[in-house]
Protein backbone atom coordinates (compact mmCIF):
# COMPACT_ATOMS: atom_id res chain seq x y z
CA UNK A 1 0.00 0.00 0.00
CA UNK A 2 1.13 3.49 -0.81
CA UNK A 3 -0.23 6.79 0.43
CA UNK A 4 0.99 8.82 -2.56
CA UNK A 5 -1.83 11.11 -3.67
CA UNK A 6 -3.70 9.81 -0.57
CA UNK A 7 -4.99 6.83 -2.57
CA UNK A 8 -4.71 3.53 -0.70
CA UNK A 9 -4.52 0.14 -2.40
CA UNK A 10 -5.18 -3.07 -0.46
CA UNK A 11 -4.05 -6.08 -2.46
CA UNK A 12 -3.70 -8.92 0.05
CA UNK A 13 -6.73 -10.99 1.01
CA UNK A 14 -7.07 -11.41 4.76
CA UNK A 15 -5.71 -7.91 5.40
CA UNK A 16 -7.02 -6.52 8.67
CA UNK A 17 -8.84 -3.22 7.99
CA UNK A 18 -10.26 -1.36 10.97
CA UNK A 19 -11.02 2.14 12.24
CA UNK A 20 -10.15 3.56 15.64
CA UNK A 21 -10.47 7.19 16.75
CA UNK A 22 -10.65 8.63 13.21
CA UNK A 23 -7.62 6.61 12.15
CA UNK A 24 -7.69 3.93 9.46
CA UNK A 25 -5.55 0.89 10.32
CA UNK A 26 -4.45 -1.50 7.58
CA UNK A 27 -2.53 -4.27 9.31
CA UNK A 28 0.26 -2.39 11.13
CA UNK A 29 0.05 0.76 8.99
CA UNK A 30 -2.23 3.64 9.89
CA UNK A 31 -3.55 6.74 8.12
CA UNK A 32 -5.54 9.76 9.36
CA UNK A 33 -8.99 9.38 7.82
CA UNK A 34 -9.15 13.04 6.74
CA UNK A 35 -5.97 12.55 4.66
CA UNK A 36 -7.37 9.69 2.53
CA UNK A 37 -9.31 10.40 -0.69
CA UNK A 38 -10.02 6.86 -1.89
CA UNK A 39 -9.39 3.19 -1.12
CA UNK A 40 -9.15 0.36 -3.65
CA UNK A 41 -9.61 -3.21 -2.42
CA UNK A 42 -8.56 -6.22 -4.54
CA UNK A 43 -10.11 -9.54 -3.50
CA UNK A 44 -12.31 -10.47 -0.51
CA UNK A 45 -12.37 -8.70 2.83
CA UNK A 46 -14.50 -8.46 5.95
CA UNK A 47 -15.30 -4.82 6.67
CA UNK A 48 -17.13 -3.56 9.75
CA UNK A 49 -20.01 -1.10 9.28
CA UNK A 50 -18.07 1.44 11.37
CA UNK A 51 -15.61 1.76 8.48
CA UNK A 52 -18.40 2.71 6.07
CA UNK A 53 -19.84 5.18 8.58
CA UNK A 54 -16.49 6.93 8.88
CA UNK A 55 -15.64 6.99 5.17
CA UNK A 56 -19.16 8.27 4.51
CA UNK A 57 -18.57 11.07 7.00
CA UNK A 58 -15.25 12.09 5.39
CA UNK A 59 -16.29 11.58 1.77
CA UNK A 60 -13.82 8.77 1.04
CA UNK A 61 -14.54 6.71 -2.08
CA UNK A 62 -14.17 2.92 -1.81
CA UNK A 63 -13.52 0.98 -5.05
CA UNK A 64 -13.94 -2.79 -5.11
CA UNK A 65 -12.12 -5.16 -7.48
CA UNK A 66 -12.46 -8.95 -7.72
CA UNK A 67 -9.59 -11.35 -7.12
CA UNK A 68 -9.09 -11.26 -10.90
CA UNK A 69 -8.80 -7.44 -10.88
CA UNK A 70 -12.22 -6.83 -12.46
CA UNK A 71 -13.93 -3.64 -11.29
CA UNK A 72 -17.04 -4.50 -9.24
CA UNK A 73 -18.30 -1.12 -8.05
CA UNK A 74 -17.74 1.79 -5.69
CA UNK A 75 -19.07 3.04 -2.39
CA UNK A 76 -19.46 6.80 -2.58
CA UNK A 77 -20.43 9.07 0.27
CA UNK A 78 -23.91 10.53 -0.13
CA UNK A 79 -22.94 13.24 2.36
CA UNK A 80 -21.20 15.05 -0.48
CA UNK A 81 -23.55 17.36 -2.30
CA UNK A 82 -24.24 16.75 -5.95
CA UNK A 83 -24.36 19.75 -8.24
CA UNK A 84 -27.96 19.15 -9.30
CA UNK A 85 -28.09 22.02 -11.79
CA UNK A 86 -24.90 20.79 -13.44
CA UNK A 87 -26.23 17.22 -13.65
CA UNK A 88 -29.42 18.57 -15.21
CA UNK A 89 -27.33 20.21 -17.95
CA UNK A 90 -25.56 16.90 -18.43
CA UNK A 91 -28.92 15.16 -18.95
CA UNK A 92 -30.08 17.88 -21.34
CA UNK A 93 -27.14 17.22 -23.66
CA UNK A 94 -27.77 13.49 -23.60
CA UNK A 95 -31.45 13.95 -24.46
CA UNK A 96 -30.86 16.50 -27.24
CA UNK A 97 -29.76 14.71 -30.43
CA UNK A 98 -28.07 17.79 -31.93
CA UNK A 99 -26.16 18.60 -28.74
CA UNK A 100 -25.24 14.95 -28.30
CA UNK A 101 -23.79 14.63 -31.81
CA UNK A 102 -21.83 17.88 -31.38
CA UNK A 103 -20.22 16.60 -28.19
CA UNK A 104 -19.48 13.17 -29.68
CA UNK A 105 -17.80 14.86 -32.66
CA UNK A 106 -15.60 16.92 -30.32
CA UNK A 107 -14.64 13.81 -28.37
CA UNK A 108 -13.78 11.85 -31.51
CA UNK A 109 -11.76 14.69 -33.06
CA UNK A 110 -9.71 15.16 -29.89
CA UNK A 111 -9.08 11.42 -29.65
CA UNK A 112 -7.85 11.30 -33.26
CA UNK A 113 -5.45 14.20 -32.65
CA UNK A 114 -4.01 12.48 -29.57
CA UNK A 115 -3.63 9.15 -31.32
CA UNK A 116 -1.78 10.34 -34.40
CA UNK A 117 0.42 12.75 -32.43
CA UNK A 118 1.76 9.80 -30.41
CA UNK A 119 2.28 7.67 -33.54
CA UNK A 120 4.19 10.50 -35.22
CA UNK A 121 6.35 10.83 -32.11
CA UNK A 122 7.30 7.15 -32.18
CA UNK A 123 7.97 7.33 -35.91
CA UNK A 124 10.50 10.09 -35.21
CA UNK A 125 12.16 7.84 -32.62
CA UNK A 126 12.38 5.19 -35.35
CA UNK A 127 10.29 2.62 -33.48
CA UNK A 128 7.88 2.76 -36.42
CA UNK A 129 9.26 2.35 -39.95
CA UNK A 130 6.14 3.48 -41.77
CA UNK A 131 3.09 5.33 -40.60
CA UNK A 132 -0.13 4.77 -42.47
CA UNK A 133 -1.91 8.03 -41.78
CA UNK A 134 -5.33 8.79 -43.06
CA UNK A 135 -8.22 10.91 -41.93
CA UNK A 136 -10.89 8.40 -40.94
CA UNK A 137 -13.73 10.86 -40.99
CA UNK A 138 -17.08 9.15 -40.66
CA UNK A 139 -20.50 10.47 -39.79
CA UNK A 140 -20.76 7.65 -37.26
CA UNK A 141 -18.29 8.62 -34.53
CA UNK A 142 -18.09 5.08 -33.14
CA UNK A 143 -17.05 3.72 -36.54
CA UNK A 144 -14.49 6.51 -36.91
CA UNK A 145 -13.06 5.78 -33.46
CA UNK A 146 -12.83 2.05 -34.26
CA UNK A 147 -10.99 2.72 -37.55
CA UNK A 148 -8.47 5.00 -35.84
CA UNK A 149 -7.88 2.46 -33.07
CA UNK A 150 -7.14 -0.18 -35.70
CA UNK A 151 -4.28 1.96 -37.02
CA UNK A 152 -2.99 2.76 -33.54
CA UNK A 153 -2.88 -0.85 -32.36
CA UNK A 154 -1.39 -1.95 -35.67
CA UNK A 155 1.79 -0.07 -34.70
CA UNK A 156 1.52 -0.52 -30.93
CA UNK A 157 3.59 -3.72 -30.83
CA UNK A 158 6.52 -1.92 -32.48
CA UNK A 159 6.76 0.32 -29.40
CA UNK A 160 6.86 -2.57 -26.89
CA UNK A 161 10.29 -4.14 -27.26
CA UNK A 162 10.30 -7.85 -26.33
CA UNK A 163 6.59 -8.28 -25.59
CA UNK A 164 4.22 -9.70 -28.20
CA UNK A 165 0.96 -7.88 -28.76
CA UNK A 166 -0.56 -8.85 -32.15
CA UNK A 167 -4.04 -7.52 -31.41
CA UNK A 168 -6.06 -5.85 -28.65
CA UNK A 169 -8.09 -8.14 -26.40
CA UNK A 170 -10.35 -6.86 -23.63
CA UNK A 171 -10.67 -10.24 -21.88
CA UNK A 172 -7.05 -10.78 -20.72
CA UNK A 173 -6.71 -13.44 -23.39
CA UNK A 174 -3.92 -14.19 -25.84
CA UNK A 175 -0.91 -12.55 -24.14
CA UNK A 176 0.49 -10.77 -21.10
CA UNK A 177 0.48 -7.26 -22.56
CA UNK A 178 -3.31 -7.23 -23.01
CA UNK A 179 -3.68 -8.28 -19.38
CA UNK A 180 -1.35 -5.48 -18.28
CA UNK A 181 -3.18 -2.92 -20.42
CA UNK A 182 -6.54 -3.95 -18.93
CA UNK A 183 -5.15 -3.66 -15.40
CA UNK A 184 -3.60 -0.22 -15.95
CA UNK A 185 -6.73 1.04 -17.71
CA UNK A 186 -8.92 -0.12 -14.81
CA UNK A 187 -6.78 1.97 -12.41
CA UNK A 188 -7.09 4.97 -14.75
CA UNK A 189 -10.89 4.54 -14.86
CA UNK A 190 -10.90 4.50 -11.06
CA UNK A 191 -8.86 7.73 -10.91
CA UNK A 192 -11.20 9.41 -13.41
CA UNK A 193 -14.21 8.29 -11.34
CA UNK A 194 -12.65 9.97 -8.29
CA UNK A 195 -12.51 13.26 -10.19
CA UNK A 196 -16.03 12.84 -11.60
CA UNK A 197 -17.44 12.35 -8.11
CA UNK A 198 -15.35 15.19 -6.71
CA UNK A 199 -16.59 17.63 -9.35
CA UNK A 200 -20.25 16.74 -8.95
CA UNK A 201 -20.94 15.05 -12.32
CA UNK A 202 -23.09 11.96 -12.84
CA UNK A 203 -20.85 9.06 -13.96
CA UNK A 204 -23.85 7.10 -15.24
CA UNK A 205 -24.46 9.45 -18.17
CA UNK A 206 -21.95 9.15 -21.01
CA UNK A 207 -22.06 10.28 -24.61
CA UNK A 208 -19.73 8.35 -26.91
CA UNK A 209 -19.84 5.08 -24.97
CA UNK A 210 -23.22 3.47 -24.61
CA UNK A 211 -25.34 3.93 -21.51
CA UNK A 212 -26.81 0.54 -20.60
CA UNK A 213 -27.91 -1.58 -17.66
CA UNK A 214 -24.74 -3.69 -17.68
CA UNK A 215 -22.41 -0.92 -16.55
CA UNK A 216 -22.46 0.79 -13.19
CA UNK A 217 -20.97 3.93 -14.73
CA UNK A 218 -19.77 4.97 -18.18
CA UNK A 219 -18.68 8.64 -18.26
CA UNK A 220 -15.15 7.63 -17.22
CA UNK A 221 -14.80 5.71 -20.51
CA UNK A 222 -15.59 8.85 -22.52
CA UNK A 223 -13.06 10.91 -20.58
CA UNK A 224 -10.41 8.16 -20.65
CA UNK A 225 -10.19 8.46 -24.44
CA UNK A 226 -8.46 11.81 -23.85
CA UNK A 227 -6.07 10.33 -21.28
CA UNK A 228 -5.19 6.71 -22.10
CA UNK A 229 -2.68 7.55 -24.79
CA UNK A 230 -0.67 10.20 -22.91
CA UNK A 231 -0.98 8.63 -19.45
CA UNK A 232 -1.70 4.89 -19.41
CA UNK A 233 0.00 3.96 -22.67
CA UNK A 234 3.06 6.06 -21.81
CA UNK A 235 3.29 4.23 -18.49
CA UNK A 236 2.84 0.82 -20.15
CA UNK A 237 5.51 1.51 -22.77
CA UNK A 238 7.87 2.94 -20.16
CA UNK A 239 7.51 -0.13 -17.91
CA UNK A 240 8.23 -2.47 -20.82
CA UNK A 241 11.13 -0.59 -22.40
CA UNK A 242 12.79 -0.04 -19.00
CA UNK A 243 12.66 -3.78 -18.30
CA UNK A 244 10.58 -3.34 -15.14
CA UNK A 245 7.73 -5.42 -16.55
CA UNK A 246 8.64 -9.07 -17.04
CA UNK A 247 6.73 -12.06 -18.37
CA UNK A 248 7.27 -13.98 -15.12
CA UNK A 249 5.03 -11.41 -13.38
CA UNK A 250 2.02 -13.04 -15.06
CA UNK A 251 0.23 -16.34 -14.67
CA UNK A 252 -2.16 -18.17 -17.00
CA UNK A 253 -5.50 -19.19 -15.49
CA UNK A 254 -8.35 -20.62 -17.57
CA UNK A 255 -6.84 -19.33 -20.84
CA UNK A 256 -6.45 -15.81 -19.45
CA UNK A 257 -3.37 -13.94 -18.24
CA UNK A 258 -3.32 -12.13 -14.90
CA UNK A 259 -0.74 -10.28 -12.87
CA UNK A 260 0.46 -12.42 -9.99
CA UNK A 261 -0.80 -11.09 -6.66
CA UNK A 262 2.69 -10.38 -5.33
CA UNK A 263 3.45 -8.05 -8.24
CA UNK A 264 0.29 -5.92 -8.15
CA UNK A 265 1.69 -3.85 -5.28
CA UNK A 266 4.90 -3.20 -7.24
CA UNK A 267 3.02 -2.12 -10.38
CA UNK A 268 0.74 0.20 -8.40
CA UNK A 269 3.73 1.80 -6.70
CA UNK A 270 5.38 2.45 -10.09
CA UNK A 271 2.09 3.80 -11.44
CA UNK A 272 1.68 6.26 -8.58
CA UNK A 273 5.26 7.51 -8.95
CA UNK A 274 4.61 8.05 -12.66
CA UNK A 275 1.30 9.81 -12.05
CA UNK A 276 2.80 12.12 -9.41
CA UNK A 277 5.55 13.31 -11.75
CA UNK A 278 4.94 16.69 -13.38
CA UNK A 279 5.10 17.24 -17.13
CA UNK A 280 4.49 20.37 -19.18
CA UNK A 281 1.13 20.13 -20.93
CA UNK A 282 -0.78 22.72 -22.90
CA UNK A 283 -3.04 22.90 -19.82
CA UNK A 284 -0.08 23.70 -17.54
CA UNK A 285 2.66 21.95 -15.59
CA UNK A 286 0.68 19.09 -14.10
CA UNK A 287 0.91 15.66 -12.53
CA UNK A 288 -1.11 12.87 -14.09
CA UNK A 289 -3.73 13.22 -11.36
CA UNK A 290 -3.96 16.97 -11.95
CA UNK A 291 -4.31 16.39 -15.69
CA UNK A 292 -7.26 14.09 -14.98
CA UNK A 293 -8.88 16.82 -12.86
CA UNK A 294 -8.30 19.43 -15.58
CA UNK A 295 -9.80 17.16 -18.24
CA UNK A 296 -12.90 16.48 -16.13
CA UNK A 297 -13.17 20.26 -15.58
CA UNK A 298 -13.28 20.69 -19.37
CA UNK A 299 -16.34 18.45 -19.42
CA UNK A 300 -17.89 20.28 -16.50
CA UNK A 301 -17.36 23.63 -18.25
CA UNK A 302 -18.86 22.20 -21.42
CA UNK A 303 -21.98 21.15 -19.54
CA UNK A 304 -22.22 24.60 -17.91
CA UNK A 305 -21.18 26.96 -20.72
CA UNK A 306 -20.72 24.75 -23.82
CA UNK A 307 -16.99 25.57 -23.82
CA UNK A 308 -14.91 23.56 -26.27
CA UNK A 309 -13.33 20.42 -24.84
CA UNK A 310 -9.54 20.50 -25.33
CA UNK A 311 -7.45 17.47 -24.40
CA UNK A 312 -4.20 17.80 -22.50
CA UNK A 313 -1.15 17.42 -24.76
CA UNK A 314 2.55 17.30 -23.98
CA UNK A 315 4.20 20.57 -24.98
CA UNK A 316 6.54 18.89 -27.42
CA UNK A 317 3.55 18.54 -29.73
CA UNK A 318 3.48 22.34 -29.95
CA UNK A 319 7.24 22.91 -30.05
CA UNK A 320 8.38 20.38 -32.64
CA UNK A 321 7.78 22.74 -35.54
CA UNK A 322 10.23 25.28 -34.08
CA UNK A 323 13.11 22.96 -33.28
CA UNK A 324 15.77 21.08 -35.20
CA UNK A 325 15.51 17.30 -35.47
CA UNK A 326 18.28 16.78 -32.89
CA UNK A 327 16.75 19.25 -30.43
CA UNK A 328 13.34 17.65 -30.87
CA UNK A 329 14.74 14.22 -30.09
CA UNK A 330 16.39 15.49 -26.88
CA UNK A 331 13.18 17.19 -25.75
CA UNK A 332 11.09 14.12 -26.45
CA UNK A 333 13.52 11.88 -24.56
CA UNK A 334 13.10 14.19 -21.55
CA UNK A 335 9.29 14.32 -21.80
CA UNK A 336 8.88 10.54 -22.11
CA UNK A 337 11.63 9.41 -19.71
């Protein structure tokens, strides 16, 4: 468990979790309750109702994951006030076909810009020999997004070094890298949910990704399209190319790959260090967590004032045109190291 960014992760089943005098005890470690923003529990635990009473009082969010790292749901304090007027504006957009299509187009355009900017960066670093670039403009934004993802994942394996990728699987099947991607993405979704709750939006109402009865929430998937490429995928590639991620960290169970329990803690620690490091974005000098908050704010401002949604981008995207090839390479090595 790490208390970086006041997010706690409990990864060992049988861990003793208790509360005493406004202090949260996790085995022999303890944390002041008012310093904790969220807790993620992986596996099965026995929790006393006094814990829920206290986290409800202090507005702590509890996220629950299965033994196999699948997201199960969250306990969110109802003592925090929702911004009812803001949520009403969110519903209005969803119910208005013209407004809905306008927002979906903005989301898709920003996603395409992010995707091809990263591919061009890796082409300059000579990880990609040839970049098949085309404008996949389609009236159906879901089709357009799918076509652009096909191109992105076509070149993704070339960025990964010794790991095989071949194709994207959302069920932890086929290889270790898909399992690792699913795990890292689930942590990103959790971090986005924290910001959604904090800023008073309704996570159940999304726009590009379908709203249905199977999902507890869906807005985090919309927002993650702006963040996966420059946060999660950067972290994944960095872990692989630095040699910190190894195939022996995974196990095969029922034709699916999973991180071994003893390595989850290590990965989370690396993830938090990465997310707490500041980079220069067009939205300012921000940590990964701050970039998430700023991106969610863009959505909040869109719901309130219909401001344009602008994704966070590393500043080298803006500076490359003004620098020599050698200078660009040095800057990019710094930004992505």
